[in-house]
């Protein structure tokens, strides 16, 4: 007999009962099937969470853009000047009321 023939005649798992080998295969098959079901369920749940987070991100991005527009509207120079004149009774100084102060260290 050559080596190939001898390798084919050896059992892969040396179990005393042929039914026990079949039972182990069935158990391994069931464990694998339940594992696949569990992984698919986890994957589906994570994908749903991912989609919800994407929608939340889009809403937050829209809100952020609106806030940037509002910020630019509230910080315009003419609006700030109008608020200072109306609420604080401030006025833009005229040429005669401006006093220039020279610092000792400045050249």
C-alpha atoms as a PDB file:
ATOM      1  CA  UNK A   1       0.000   0.000   0.000  1.00  0.00           C
ATOM      2  CA  UNK A   2       1.187   3.430  -0.776  1.00  0.00           C
ATOM      3  CA  UNK A   3       0.855   6.500   1.518  1.00  0.00           C
ATOM      4  CA  UNK A   4      -2.242   7.895  -0.179  1.00  0.00           C
ATOM      5  CA  UNK A   5      -4.222   4.696   0.270  1.00  0.00           C
ATOM      6  CA  UNK A   6      -3.246   4.435   3.938  1.00  0.00           C
ATOM      7  CA  UNK A   7      -4.247   8.071   4.616  1.00  0.00           C
ATOM      8  CA  UNK A   8      -7.689   7.479   3.111  1.00  0.00           C
ATOM      9  CA  UNK A   9      -8.335   4.445   5.259  1.00  0.00           C
ATOM     10  CA  UNK A  10      -7.585   6.254   8.578  1.00  0.00           C
ATOM     11  CA  UNK A  11     -10.563   7.857  10.332  1.00  0.00           C
ATOM     12  CA  UNK A  12     -10.391  11.617  10.792  1.00  0.00           C
ATOM     13  CA  UNK A  13     -11.763  11.521  14.328  1.00  0.00           C
ATOM     14  CA  UNK A  14     -11.227   8.342  16.260  1.00  0.00           C
ATOM     15  CA  UNK A  15     -14.500   8.138  18.203  1.00  0.00           C
ATOM     16  CA  UNK A  16     -15.773   4.847  19.545  1.00  0.00           C
ATOM     17  CA  UNK A  17     -19.359   5.354  18.394  1.00  0.00           C
ATOM     18  CA  UNK A  18     -20.356   6.470  14.879  1.00  0.00           C
ATOM     19  CA  UNK A  19     -23.494   8.078  16.300  1.00  0.00           C
ATOM     20  CA  UNK A  20     -21.374  10.239  18.624  1.00  0.00           C
ATOM     21  CA  UNK A  21     -19.478  11.620  15.618  1.00  0.00           C
ATOM     22  CA  UNK A  22     -22.780  12.536  13.933  1.00  0.00           C
ATOM     23  CA  UNK A  23     -24.041  14.139  17.160  1.00  0.00           C
ATOM     24  CA  UNK A  24     -20.897  16.284  17.421  1.00  0.00           C
ATOM     25  CA  UNK A  25     -21.339  17.394  13.804  1.00  0.00           C
ATOM     26  CA  UNK A  26     -24.968  18.313  14.471  1.00  0.00           C
ATOM     27  CA  UNK A  27     -24.019  20.246  17.636  1.00  0.00           C
ATOM     28  CA  UNK A  28     -21.267  22.097  15.746  1.00  0.00           C
ATOM     29  CA  UNK A  29     -23.740  22.870  12.974  1.00  0.00           C
ATOM     30  CA  UNK A  30     -26.318  24.227  15.459  1.00  0.00           C
ATOM     31  CA  UNK A  31     -23.711  26.348  17.247  1.00  0.00           C
ATOM     32  CA  UNK A  32     -22.585  27.770  13.915  1.00  0.00           C
ATOM     33  CA  UNK A  33     -26.173  28.472  12.827  1.00  0.00           C
ATOM     34  CA  UNK A  34     -27.015  30.255  16.085  1.00  0.00           C
ATOM     35  CA  UNK A  35     -23.761  32.184  15.846  1.00  0.00           C
ATOM     36  CA  UNK A  36     -24.629  33.379  12.361  1.00  0.00           C
ATOM     37  CA  UNK A  37     -28.138  34.379  13.483  1.00  0.00           C
ATOM     38  CA  UNK A  38     -26.717  36.293  16.449  1.00  0.00           C
ATOM     39  CA  UNK A  39     -24.088  38.095  14.356  1.00  0.00           C
ATOM     40  CA  UNK A  40     -26.699  39.066  11.727  1.00  0.00           C
ATOM     41  CA  UNK A  41     -28.985  40.422  14.465  1.00  0.00           C
ATOM     42  CA  UNK A  42     -26.170  42.460  16.018  1.00  0.00           C
ATOM     43  CA  UNK A  43     -25.185  43.736  12.573  1.00  0.00           C
ATOM     44  CA  UNK A  44     -28.783  44.775  11.817  1.00  0.00           C
ATOM     45  CA  UNK A  45     -29.134  46.580  15.160  1.00  0.00           C
ATOM     46  CA  UNK A  46     -25.829  48.393  14.701  1.00  0.00           C
ATOM     47  CA  UNK A  47     -26.821  49.440  11.189  1.00  0.00           C
ATOM     48  CA  UNK A  48     -30.132  50.840  12.494  1.00  0.00           C
ATOM     49  CA  UNK A  49     -28.225  52.771  15.186  1.00  0.00           C
ATOM     50  CA  UNK A  50     -25.822  54.039  12.524  1.00  0.00           C
ATOM     51  CA  UNK A  51     -28.692  55.316  10.373  1.00  0.00           C
ATOM     52  CA  UNK A  52     -30.284  57.074  13.364  1.00  0.00           C
ATOM     53  CA  UNK A  53     -26.961  58.725  14.194  1.00  0.00           C
ATOM     54  CA  UNK A  54     -26.586  59.827  10.571  1.00  0.00           C
ATOM     55  CA  UNK A  55     -30.028  61.473  10.709  1.00  0.00           C
ATOM     56  CA  UNK A  56     -29.172  63.156  14.020  1.00  0.00           C
ATOM     57  CA  UNK A  57     -25.910  64.380  12.515  1.00  0.00           C
ATOM     58  CA  UNK A  58     -27.748  65.884   9.528  1.00  0.00           C
ATOM     59  CA  UNK A  59     -30.202  67.694  11.832  1.00  0.00           C
ATOM     60  CA  UNK A  60     -27.381  69.006  14.010  1.00  0.00           C
ATOM     61  CA  UNK A  61     -25.437  70.173  10.948  1.00  0.00           C
ATOM     62  CA  UNK A  62     -28.496  72.086   9.722  1.00  0.00           C
ATOM     63  CA  UNK A  63     -28.960  73.686  13.155  1.00  0.00           C
ATOM     64  CA  UNK A  64     -25.279  74.635  13.254  1.00  0.00           C
ATOM     65  CA  UNK A  65     -25.500  76.319   9.849  1.00  0.00           C
ATOM     66  CA  UNK A  66     -28.583  78.252  10.981  1.00  0.00           C
ATOM     67  CA  UNK A  67     -26.760  79.368  14.128  1.00  0.00           C
ATOM     68  CA  UNK A  68     -23.795  80.550  12.065  1.00  0.00           C
ATOM     69  CA  UNK A  69     -26.138  82.653   9.931  1.00  0.00           C
ATOM     70  CA  UNK A  70     -27.784  84.075  13.024  1.00  0.00           C
ATOM     71  CA  UNK A  71     -24.396  84.833  14.567  1.00  0.00           C
ATOM     72  CA  UNK A  72     -23.279  86.709  11.472  1.00  0.00           C
ATOM     73  CA  UNK A  73     -26.555  88.685  11.467  1.00  0.00           C
ATOM     74  CA  UNK A  74     -26.215  89.655  15.135  1.00  0.00           C
ATOM     75  CA  UNK A  75     -22.549  90.626  14.858  1.00  0.00           C
ATOM     76  CA  UNK A  76     -22.800  92.985  11.882  1.00  0.00           C
ATOM     77  CA  UNK A  77     -21.115  96.325  12.528  1.00  0.00           C
ATOM     78  CA  UNK A  78     -24.132  98.477  11.675  1.00  0.00           C
ATOM     79  CA  UNK A  79     -26.363  96.481  14.022  1.00  0.00           C
ATOM     80  CA  UNK A  80     -23.843  96.770  16.872  1.00  0.00           C
ATOM     81  CA  UNK A  81     -23.548 100.511  16.284  1.00  0.00           C
ATOM     82  CA  UNK A  82     -27.351 100.935  16.258  1.00  0.00           C
ATOM     83  CA  UNK A  83     -27.686  98.970  19.518  1.00  0.00           C
ATOM     84  CA  UNK A  84     -24.922 101.051  21.143  1.00  0.00           C
ATOM     85  CA  UNK A  85     -26.644 104.298  20.105  1.00  0.00           C
ATOM     86  CA  UNK A  86     -30.146 103.190  21.175  1.00  0.00           C
ATOM     87  CA  UNK A  87     -29.539 101.207  24.374  1.00  0.00           C
ATOM     88  CA  UNK A  88     -26.378 102.782  25.733  1.00  0.00           C
ATOM     89  CA  UNK A  89     -26.811 106.297  24.331  1.00  0.00           C
ATOM     90  CA  UNK A  90     -23.352 106.111  22.804  1.00  0.00           C
ATOM     91  CA  UNK A  91     -22.321 108.310  19.917  1.00  0.00           C
ATOM     92  CA  UNK A  92     -19.540 108.215  17.390  1.00  0.00           C
ATOM     93  CA  UNK A  93     -17.021 110.874  18.484  1.00  0.00           C
ATOM     94  CA  UNK A  94     -16.481 113.844  16.244  1.00  0.00           C
ATOM     95  CA  UNK A  95     -13.037 115.117  15.325  1.00  0.00           C
ATOM     96  CA  UNK A  96     -12.705 117.718  18.114  1.00  0.00           C
ATOM     97  CA  UNK A  97     -13.596 115.332  20.929  1.00  0.00           C
ATOM     98  CA  UNK A  98     -10.956 112.734  19.998  1.00  0.00           C
ATOM     99  CA  UNK A  99      -7.835 112.957  22.165  1.00  0.00           C
ATOM    100  CA  UNK A 100      -4.672 111.169  21.105  1.00  0.00           C
ATOM    101  CA  UNK A 101      -2.560 109.815  23.978  1.00  0.00           C
ATOM    102  CA  UNK A 102       1.102 109.131  23.385  1.00  0.00           C
ATOM    103  CA  UNK A 103       2.698 106.341  25.349  1.00  0.00           C
ATOM    104  CA  UNK A 104       6.213 106.755  26.726  1.00  0.00           C
ATOM    105  CA  UNK A 105       7.514 103.462  25.290  1.00  0.00           C
ATOM    106  CA  UNK A 106       5.856 103.881  21.900  1.00  0.00           C
ATOM    107  CA  UNK A 107       7.905 105.409  19.138  1.00  0.00           C
END
